[in-house]
N, C-alpha and C. Protein backbone atom coordinates (compact mmCIF):
# COMPACT_ATOMS: atom_id res chain seq x y z
N MET A 1 93.53 50.21 160.20
CA MET A 1 93.38 51.34 161.13
C MET A 1 92.02 51.22 161.79
N ASN A 2 91.99 50.59 162.93
CA ASN A 2 90.74 50.49 163.67
C ASN A 2 90.81 51.38 164.90
N SER A 3 91.65 52.42 164.84
CA SER A 3 91.82 53.33 165.97
C SER A 3 91.06 54.63 165.72
N LEU A 4 89.89 54.52 165.13
CA LEU A 4 89.09 55.71 164.86
C LEU A 4 88.39 56.15 166.14
N ASP A 5 88.49 57.43 166.43
CA ASP A 5 87.79 57.93 167.61
C ASP A 5 86.40 58.43 167.19
N PRO A 6 85.56 58.81 168.16
CA PRO A 6 84.21 59.25 167.82
C PRO A 6 84.17 60.41 166.81
N MET A 7 85.13 61.32 166.88
CA MET A 7 85.14 62.45 165.92
C MET A 7 85.46 61.96 164.51
N ASP A 8 86.41 61.02 164.38
CA ASP A 8 86.70 60.44 163.07
C ASP A 8 85.43 59.81 162.49
N LEU A 9 84.72 59.09 163.31
CA LEU A 9 83.50 58.43 162.84
C LEU A 9 82.43 59.45 162.45
N ARG A 10 82.33 60.55 163.19
CA ARG A 10 81.37 61.60 162.84
C ARG A 10 81.76 62.26 161.52
N ILE A 11 83.06 62.45 161.31
CA ILE A 11 83.54 63.01 160.04
C ILE A 11 83.18 62.07 158.90
N LEU A 12 83.45 60.78 159.06
CA LEU A 12 83.11 59.81 158.02
C LEU A 12 81.62 59.83 157.71
N LEU A 13 80.82 59.90 158.75
CA LEU A 13 79.36 59.92 158.56
C LEU A 13 78.93 61.14 157.77
N GLU A 14 79.48 62.30 158.07
CA GLU A 14 79.14 63.52 157.33
C GLU A 14 79.59 63.43 155.88
N LEU A 15 80.77 62.84 155.65
CA LEU A 15 81.27 62.69 154.28
C LEU A 15 80.45 61.68 153.48
N ILE A 16 79.93 60.69 154.16
CA ILE A 16 79.05 59.73 153.48
C ILE A 16 77.73 60.41 153.12
N LYS A 17 77.20 61.20 154.04
CA LYS A 17 75.94 61.90 153.79
C LYS A 17 76.08 62.90 152.65
N ASP A 18 77.21 63.62 152.62
CA ASP A 18 77.43 64.63 151.58
C ASP A 18 78.90 64.61 151.17
N PRO A 19 79.25 63.77 150.17
CA PRO A 19 80.66 63.65 149.77
C PRO A 19 81.27 64.96 149.27
N ARG A 20 80.45 65.92 148.86
CA ARG A 20 80.99 67.18 148.33
C ARG A 20 81.03 68.29 149.38
N ILE A 21 80.79 67.95 150.64
CA ILE A 21 80.80 68.95 151.70
C ILE A 21 82.18 69.62 151.77
N GLN A 22 82.18 70.92 151.92
CA GLN A 22 83.43 71.66 152.04
C GLN A 22 83.95 71.57 153.48
N ILE A 23 85.24 71.72 153.65
CA ILE A 23 85.86 71.61 154.97
C ILE A 23 85.24 72.61 155.94
N ALA A 24 84.99 73.84 155.50
CA ALA A 24 84.42 74.86 156.38
C ALA A 24 83.04 74.43 156.87
N GLU A 25 82.24 73.90 155.96
CA GLU A 25 80.89 73.44 156.35
C GLU A 25 80.98 72.23 157.27
N LEU A 26 81.92 71.34 156.99
CA LEU A 26 82.13 70.16 157.83
C LEU A 26 82.50 70.58 159.25
N SER A 27 83.40 71.54 159.35
CA SER A 27 83.82 71.99 160.69
C SER A 27 82.67 72.67 161.42
N ASP A 28 81.86 73.45 160.70
CA ASP A 28 80.68 74.09 161.33
C ASP A 28 79.68 73.04 161.81
N THR A 29 79.42 72.08 160.96
CA THR A 29 78.44 71.03 161.30
C THR A 29 78.87 70.25 162.54
N LEU A 30 80.17 69.96 162.64
CA LEU A 30 80.67 69.16 163.75
C LEU A 30 81.10 69.98 164.95
N GLY A 31 81.15 71.30 164.78
CA GLY A 31 81.55 72.16 165.89
C GLY A 31 83.03 72.03 166.23
N ILE A 32 83.86 71.88 165.20
CA ILE A 32 85.31 71.79 165.43
C ILE A 32 85.99 72.84 164.56
N ALA A 33 87.25 73.11 164.88
CA ALA A 33 88.01 74.09 164.11
C ALA A 33 88.23 73.58 162.69
N ARG A 34 88.30 74.53 161.77
CA ARG A 34 88.50 74.19 160.36
C ARG A 34 89.80 73.41 160.17
N ASN A 35 90.87 73.85 160.83
CA ASN A 35 92.17 73.15 160.72
C ASN A 35 92.07 71.71 161.24
N THR A 36 91.29 71.52 162.31
CA THR A 36 91.11 70.17 162.87
C THR A 36 90.39 69.29 161.86
N ALA A 37 89.32 69.81 161.26
CA ALA A 37 88.57 69.05 160.27
C ALA A 37 89.47 68.69 159.09
N GLN A 38 90.22 69.67 158.61
CA GLN A 38 91.09 69.43 157.45
C GLN A 38 92.18 68.41 157.77
N SER A 39 92.82 68.52 158.92
CA SER A 39 93.91 67.59 159.24
C SER A 39 93.36 66.17 159.45
N ARG A 40 92.18 66.06 160.03
CA ARG A 40 91.60 64.72 160.22
C ARG A 40 91.20 64.09 158.89
N VAL A 41 90.62 64.88 158.00
CA VAL A 41 90.26 64.34 156.69
C VAL A 41 91.52 63.90 155.94
N LYS A 42 92.59 64.70 156.00
CA LYS A 42 93.86 64.33 155.36
C LYS A 42 94.40 63.03 155.95
N ARG A 43 94.32 62.89 157.28
CA ARG A 43 94.82 61.68 157.93
C ARG A 43 94.00 60.46 157.50
N LEU A 44 92.67 60.63 157.39
CA LEU A 44 91.81 59.53 156.94
C LEU A 44 92.12 59.15 155.49
N LEU A 45 92.46 60.14 154.67
CA LEU A 45 92.86 59.86 153.28
C LEU A 45 94.21 59.14 153.24
N ARG A 46 95.19 59.64 154.01
CA ARG A 46 96.52 59.03 154.03
C ARG A 46 96.46 57.58 154.50
N SER A 47 95.64 57.31 155.49
CA SER A 47 95.55 55.96 156.05
C SER A 47 94.80 55.01 155.14
N GLY A 48 94.09 55.55 154.15
CA GLY A 48 93.33 54.69 153.25
C GLY A 48 91.90 54.44 153.70
N VAL A 49 91.54 54.93 154.89
CA VAL A 49 90.16 54.76 155.35
C VAL A 49 89.21 55.46 154.38
N LEU A 50 89.61 56.63 153.92
CA LEU A 50 88.85 57.33 152.88
C LEU A 50 89.57 57.16 151.56
N GLN A 51 88.81 56.84 150.54
CA GLN A 51 89.36 56.75 149.20
C GLN A 51 89.25 58.12 148.55
N ALA A 52 90.33 58.65 148.05
CA ALA A 52 90.37 60.02 147.55
C ALA A 52 89.38 60.28 146.42
N ALA A 53 89.18 59.30 145.56
CA ALA A 53 88.37 59.52 144.37
C ALA A 53 86.95 59.96 144.69
N GLY A 54 86.28 59.28 145.59
CA GLY A 54 84.89 59.62 145.82
C GLY A 54 84.55 59.72 147.29
N ARG A 55 85.57 59.82 148.12
CA ARG A 55 85.37 59.84 149.56
C ARG A 55 84.61 58.60 150.03
N GLU A 56 84.92 57.49 149.38
CA GLU A 56 84.36 56.21 149.78
C GLU A 56 85.13 55.70 150.99
N VAL A 57 84.43 55.04 151.89
CA VAL A 57 85.06 54.49 153.08
C VAL A 57 85.49 53.06 152.79
N ASP A 58 86.75 52.75 153.07
CA ASP A 58 87.26 51.38 152.96
C ASP A 58 86.86 50.66 154.24
N LEU A 59 85.80 49.86 154.16
CA LEU A 59 85.26 49.22 155.35
C LEU A 59 86.24 48.25 155.99
N GLU A 60 87.10 47.65 155.19
CA GLU A 60 88.11 46.74 155.75
C GLU A 60 89.03 47.49 156.71
N LYS A 61 89.36 48.73 156.36
CA LYS A 61 90.27 49.52 157.20
C LYS A 61 89.62 49.97 158.51
N VAL A 62 88.30 49.91 158.59
CA VAL A 62 87.64 50.28 159.85
C VAL A 62 87.12 49.04 160.58
N GLY A 63 87.57 47.86 160.13
CA GLY A 63 87.28 46.65 160.89
C GLY A 63 86.25 45.71 160.28
N TYR A 64 85.63 46.08 159.17
CA TYR A 64 84.65 45.20 158.53
C TYR A 64 85.32 44.48 157.37
N ASP A 65 86.08 43.42 157.69
CA ASP A 65 86.87 42.75 156.66
C ASP A 65 86.28 41.43 156.19
N VAL A 66 85.09 41.09 156.66
CA VAL A 66 84.40 39.90 156.17
C VAL A 66 83.28 40.38 155.24
N VAL A 67 83.30 39.89 154.01
CA VAL A 67 82.28 40.25 153.02
C VAL A 67 81.57 38.98 152.60
N ALA A 68 80.25 39.04 152.60
CA ALA A 68 79.45 37.89 152.20
C ALA A 68 78.37 38.33 151.23
N PHE A 69 78.00 37.42 150.35
CA PHE A 69 76.89 37.64 149.43
C PHE A 69 75.80 36.66 149.83
N VAL A 70 74.63 37.19 150.12
CA VAL A 70 73.54 36.38 150.64
C VAL A 70 72.38 36.41 149.65
N THR A 71 71.97 35.22 149.22
CA THR A 71 70.78 35.09 148.39
C THR A 71 69.64 34.69 149.32
N ILE A 72 68.53 35.40 149.21
CA ILE A 72 67.40 35.18 150.12
C ILE A 72 66.17 34.78 149.31
N GLU A 73 65.53 33.72 149.75
CA GLU A 73 64.25 33.32 149.17
C GLU A 73 63.16 33.81 150.14
N VAL A 74 62.17 34.50 149.60
CA VAL A 74 61.13 35.08 150.45
C VAL A 74 59.74 34.68 149.98
N THR A 75 58.78 34.79 150.90
CA THR A 75 57.37 34.68 150.57
C THR A 75 57.02 35.98 149.86
N HIS A 76 56.55 35.89 148.63
CA HIS A 76 56.40 37.09 147.79
C HIS A 76 55.49 38.14 148.40
N ARG A 77 54.44 37.74 149.12
CA ARG A 77 53.56 38.76 149.71
C ARG A 77 54.25 39.52 150.84
N GLU A 78 55.39 39.00 151.31
CA GLU A 78 56.15 39.63 152.39
C GLU A 78 57.37 40.39 151.88
N LEU A 79 57.54 40.48 150.57
CA LEU A 79 58.76 41.05 149.98
C LEU A 79 59.05 42.45 150.51
N ASP A 80 58.07 43.35 150.50
CA ASP A 80 58.31 44.71 150.96
C ASP A 80 58.70 44.75 152.43
N GLY A 81 58.08 43.90 153.24
CA GLY A 81 58.43 43.83 154.66
C GLY A 81 59.84 43.32 154.88
N VAL A 82 60.25 42.34 154.08
CA VAL A 82 61.61 41.81 154.19
C VAL A 82 62.62 42.89 153.83
N ILE A 83 62.36 43.61 152.74
CA ILE A 83 63.27 44.68 152.33
C ILE A 83 63.35 45.75 153.42
N GLY A 84 62.22 46.10 154.00
CA GLY A 84 62.21 47.08 155.10
C GLY A 84 63.02 46.59 156.29
N ALA A 85 62.91 45.31 156.62
CA ALA A 85 63.67 44.75 157.75
C ALA A 85 65.16 44.73 157.44
N LEU A 86 65.53 44.44 156.19
CA LEU A 86 66.94 44.42 155.81
C LEU A 86 67.57 45.81 155.94
N ARG A 87 66.78 46.85 155.69
CA ARG A 87 67.29 48.23 155.86
C ARG A 87 67.74 48.50 157.29
N LEU A 88 67.17 47.79 158.24
CA LEU A 88 67.47 48.03 159.66
C LEU A 88 68.70 47.27 160.15
N ILE A 89 69.25 46.41 159.31
CA ILE A 89 70.45 45.65 159.69
C ILE A 89 71.66 46.41 159.15
N PRO A 90 72.45 47.02 160.02
CA PRO A 90 73.55 47.88 159.57
C PRO A 90 74.56 47.19 158.66
N GLN A 91 74.79 45.90 158.84
CA GLN A 91 75.79 45.20 158.04
C GLN A 91 75.34 44.95 156.60
N VAL A 92 74.05 45.14 156.31
CA VAL A 92 73.54 44.94 154.96
C VAL A 92 73.83 46.21 154.16
N LEU A 93 74.74 46.10 153.18
CA LEU A 93 75.16 47.26 152.41
C LEU A 93 74.28 47.53 151.21
N GLU A 94 73.80 46.47 150.58
CA GLU A 94 72.94 46.66 149.41
C GLU A 94 72.04 45.45 149.25
N VAL A 95 70.88 45.68 148.63
CA VAL A 95 69.90 44.63 148.39
C VAL A 95 69.38 44.80 146.97
N HIS A 96 69.36 43.70 146.23
CA HIS A 96 68.86 43.71 144.85
C HIS A 96 67.80 42.63 144.72
N GLU A 97 66.70 42.94 144.05
CA GLU A 97 65.73 41.92 143.68
C GLU A 97 66.28 41.25 142.43
N ILE A 98 66.29 39.93 142.42
CA ILE A 98 66.96 39.20 141.35
C ILE A 98 66.03 38.20 140.67
N SER A 99 66.48 37.73 139.51
CA SER A 99 65.81 36.62 138.84
C SER A 99 66.64 35.38 139.13
N GLY A 100 66.10 34.23 138.79
CA GLY A 100 66.86 33.00 139.02
C GLY A 100 66.60 32.45 140.41
N ARG A 101 67.61 31.75 140.93
CA ARG A 101 67.48 31.16 142.27
C ARG A 101 67.43 32.25 143.32
N GLY A 102 66.42 32.24 144.12
CA GLY A 102 66.28 33.25 145.16
C GLY A 102 65.52 34.46 144.66
N ASP A 103 65.24 35.35 145.58
CA ASP A 103 64.46 36.55 145.27
C ASP A 103 65.24 37.83 145.51
N LEU A 104 66.11 37.82 146.50
CA LEU A 104 66.90 38.99 146.86
C LEU A 104 68.36 38.58 146.95
N TRP A 105 69.23 39.51 146.61
CA TRP A 105 70.67 39.32 146.75
C TRP A 105 71.20 40.47 147.57
N CYS A 106 71.97 40.17 148.60
CA CYS A 106 72.49 41.20 149.51
C CYS A 106 74.00 41.09 149.61
N ARG A 107 74.63 42.24 149.74
CA ARG A 107 76.04 42.28 150.11
C ARG A 107 76.07 42.65 151.58
N VAL A 108 76.73 41.83 152.38
CA VAL A 108 76.76 42.00 153.83
C VAL A 108 78.22 42.04 154.27
N VAL A 109 78.53 42.92 155.21
CA VAL A 109 79.88 42.97 155.77
C VAL A 109 79.81 42.69 157.27
N ALA A 110 80.94 42.24 157.81
CA ALA A 110 81.00 41.94 159.23
C ALA A 110 82.43 42.11 159.73
N THR A 111 82.55 42.24 161.04
CA THR A 111 83.87 42.39 161.64
C THR A 111 84.57 41.04 161.79
N ASP A 112 83.79 39.98 161.91
CA ASP A 112 84.32 38.62 162.01
C ASP A 112 83.17 37.65 161.75
N THR A 113 83.46 36.36 161.81
CA THR A 113 82.41 35.40 161.49
C THR A 113 81.28 35.40 162.51
N HIS A 114 81.58 35.72 163.74
CA HIS A 114 80.51 35.79 164.76
C HIS A 114 79.57 36.96 164.46
N ASN A 115 80.13 38.08 164.05
CA ASN A 115 79.33 39.24 163.67
C ASN A 115 78.49 38.92 162.44
N LEU A 116 79.06 38.18 161.50
CA LEU A 116 78.32 37.76 160.31
C LEU A 116 77.17 36.84 160.70
N GLN A 117 77.46 35.89 161.57
CA GLN A 117 76.42 34.96 162.02
C GLN A 117 75.27 35.72 162.68
N SER A 118 75.58 36.72 163.45
CA SER A 118 74.55 37.54 164.09
C SER A 118 73.67 38.24 163.05
N ALA A 119 74.32 38.80 162.03
CA ALA A 119 73.57 39.47 160.97
C ALA A 119 72.70 38.47 160.22
N LEU A 120 73.25 37.31 159.92
CA LEU A 120 72.49 36.29 159.19
C LEU A 120 71.31 35.78 160.01
N ARG A 121 71.49 35.66 161.31
CA ARG A 121 70.37 35.26 162.17
C ARG A 121 69.27 36.31 162.14
N SER A 122 69.66 37.59 162.11
CA SER A 122 68.66 38.66 162.00
C SER A 122 67.88 38.53 160.70
N VAL A 123 68.58 38.20 159.63
CA VAL A 123 67.92 38.01 158.33
C VAL A 123 66.95 36.83 158.42
N LEU A 124 67.41 35.72 158.97
CA LEU A 124 66.58 34.51 159.05
C LEU A 124 65.36 34.68 159.96
N ARG A 125 65.46 35.54 160.95
CA ARG A 125 64.32 35.78 161.85
C ARG A 125 63.27 36.69 161.23
N THR A 126 63.57 37.27 160.08
CA THR A 126 62.66 38.21 159.43
C THR A 126 61.45 37.49 158.88
N LYS A 127 60.27 38.00 159.22
CA LYS A 127 59.03 37.42 158.73
C LYS A 127 59.03 37.47 157.20
N GLY A 128 58.77 36.30 156.58
CA GLY A 128 58.74 36.22 155.13
C GLY A 128 59.99 35.61 154.52
N VAL A 129 61.06 35.48 155.29
CA VAL A 129 62.28 34.85 154.78
C VAL A 129 62.12 33.34 154.89
N ILE A 130 62.25 32.66 153.76
CA ILE A 130 62.11 31.21 153.74
C ILE A 130 63.47 30.55 153.99
N ARG A 131 64.48 30.98 153.22
CA ARG A 131 65.83 30.42 153.39
C ARG A 131 66.86 31.38 152.80
N THR A 132 68.09 31.15 153.20
CA THR A 132 69.19 31.97 152.67
C THR A 132 70.33 31.06 152.21
N GLU A 133 71.15 31.58 151.36
CA GLU A 133 72.39 30.92 150.96
C GLU A 133 73.48 31.98 151.01
N THR A 134 74.55 31.69 151.72
CA THR A 134 75.60 32.67 151.93
C THR A 134 76.91 32.20 151.32
N VAL A 135 77.57 33.10 150.61
CA VAL A 135 78.87 32.83 150.02
C VAL A 135 79.82 33.91 150.53
N LEU A 136 80.98 33.49 151.04
CA LEU A 136 81.97 34.44 151.53
C LEU A 136 82.89 34.88 150.40
N ALA A 137 83.21 36.16 150.39
CA ALA A 137 84.20 36.68 149.44
C ALA A 137 85.58 36.47 150.06
N LEU A 138 86.46 35.85 149.31
CA LEU A 138 87.82 35.61 149.81
C LEU A 138 88.76 36.76 149.46
N HIS A 139 88.54 37.37 148.30
CA HIS A 139 89.40 38.47 147.86
C HIS A 139 88.67 39.26 146.79
N THR A 140 88.83 40.56 146.80
CA THR A 140 88.23 41.41 145.78
C THR A 140 89.29 41.71 144.73
N HIS A 141 89.08 41.21 143.53
CA HIS A 141 90.02 41.44 142.45
C HIS A 141 89.69 42.72 141.68
N ILE A 142 88.40 43.01 141.50
CA ILE A 142 87.97 44.23 140.85
C ILE A 142 86.91 44.86 141.75
N PRO A 143 87.25 45.93 142.45
CA PRO A 143 86.25 46.57 143.31
C PRO A 143 85.21 47.31 142.47
N TYR A 144 84.12 47.67 143.09
CA TYR A 144 83.08 48.43 142.40
C TYR A 144 83.72 49.62 141.70
N ARG A 145 83.36 49.82 140.46
CA ARG A 145 83.98 50.88 139.68
C ARG A 145 82.98 51.42 138.66
N THR A 146 83.17 52.65 138.28
CA THR A 146 82.34 53.25 137.24
C THR A 146 83.20 53.93 136.17
N GLU A 147 84.45 54.18 136.48
CA GLU A 147 85.33 54.93 135.59
C GLU A 147 85.42 54.34 134.18
N PRO A 148 85.56 53.01 134.00
CA PRO A 148 85.65 52.48 132.63
C PRO A 148 84.40 52.78 131.80
N LEU A 149 83.24 52.69 132.41
CA LEU A 149 82.00 52.98 131.68
C LEU A 149 81.91 54.44 131.28
N ILE A 150 82.23 55.31 132.22
CA ILE A 150 82.14 56.75 131.95
C ILE A 150 83.20 57.14 130.92
N SER A 151 84.39 56.57 131.02
CA SER A 151 85.44 56.84 130.04
C SER A 151 85.00 56.43 128.65
N ARG A 152 84.37 55.28 128.55
CA ARG A 152 83.90 54.80 127.26
C ARG A 152 82.80 55.71 126.70
N MET A 153 81.92 56.17 127.57
CA MET A 153 80.85 57.07 127.14
C MET A 153 81.40 58.42 126.73
N ALA A 154 82.51 58.83 127.35
CA ALA A 154 83.10 60.13 127.05
C ALA A 154 83.80 60.13 125.69
N ALA A 155 84.04 58.97 125.15
CA ALA A 155 84.66 58.84 123.83
C ALA A 155 83.67 58.15 122.90
N PRO A 156 82.60 58.85 122.50
CA PRO A 156 81.52 58.20 121.74
C PRO A 156 81.97 57.60 120.41
N THR A 157 82.95 58.17 119.76
CA THR A 157 83.41 57.61 118.49
C THR A 157 84.03 56.25 118.72
N ARG A 158 84.89 56.14 119.72
CA ARG A 158 85.52 54.87 120.03
C ARG A 158 84.48 53.86 120.48
N GLY A 159 83.54 54.28 121.34
CA GLY A 159 82.48 53.39 121.81
C GLY A 159 81.66 52.85 120.66
N ARG A 160 81.36 53.69 119.68
CA ARG A 160 80.60 53.27 118.51
C ARG A 160 81.41 52.25 117.71
N GLN A 161 82.71 52.47 117.58
CA GLN A 161 83.56 51.52 116.85
C GLN A 161 83.58 50.17 117.55
N ASP A 162 83.60 50.18 118.89
CA ASP A 162 83.58 48.92 119.64
C ASP A 162 82.32 48.13 119.32
N HIS A 163 81.17 48.81 119.24
CA HIS A 163 79.91 48.13 118.93
C HIS A 163 79.96 47.52 117.53
N VAL A 164 80.49 48.25 116.57
CA VAL A 164 80.56 47.77 115.19
C VAL A 164 81.51 46.58 115.10
N GLN A 165 82.67 46.68 115.78
CA GLN A 165 83.66 45.60 115.73
C GLN A 165 83.12 44.33 116.39
N ASN A 166 82.29 44.48 117.42
CA ASN A 166 81.74 43.33 118.11
C ASN A 166 80.51 42.76 117.41
N GLY A 167 80.10 43.37 116.31
CA GLY A 167 78.96 42.86 115.57
C GLY A 167 77.63 43.34 116.12
N SER A 168 77.65 44.26 117.09
CA SER A 168 76.39 44.72 117.66
C SER A 168 75.91 46.00 117.02
N GLY A 169 76.71 46.60 116.14
CA GLY A 169 76.31 47.84 115.47
C GLY A 169 75.72 47.55 114.12
N THR A 170 75.13 48.56 113.53
CA THR A 170 74.56 48.36 112.19
C THR A 170 75.28 49.20 111.17
C-alpha cells in the first residue's frame, strides 16, 4: 500500500510520536473529524501499514522494502560528529556503537537500490567516516520482538527453572 495521502502520513507521524494518543486527541491535533481519524486509523491497521500491537509502521508497506545493515569504521575523535550526521539521514533507523570489526552498526532502509546508494553516499561523505561495509537483508524471519522476554519475566518461577536447568543457576 503505497497510496498513502498526506493525511495518512500525518496520522502515522502522530502515532509514532505518541503511540498511546487517543482518537479524539489525534483528531484535534490534525484538525480533522473524530470519525475521519478513527476510520483512517482502522484502514491503516487493516492494510497492515500499522501493526496493531504497538502501532508500529510496516515500512515495507509504505515503500521502504530494501533493508541493509551497515558497519561503519570511523576516526574515533569524530565519533560524536558521525553519529550526529547519521541522525540527519532519514533512512538510518538505528545506530549502535559496537565492538569487533567496525565502530558503528546501522540499520538502513530504502525504497530501492538507488535510494540505498544515495543514503550510503551520504554516510561516506560524512567527516570522520573511514569506510563502510553493507549487507542487504533478503528476508526477515524473526522481526524485532520483546514479547518472549517479557513473557519469561512475567513467569519468574519458570524463568528461574530455565536458569537452573541450563546450569546457570545456583
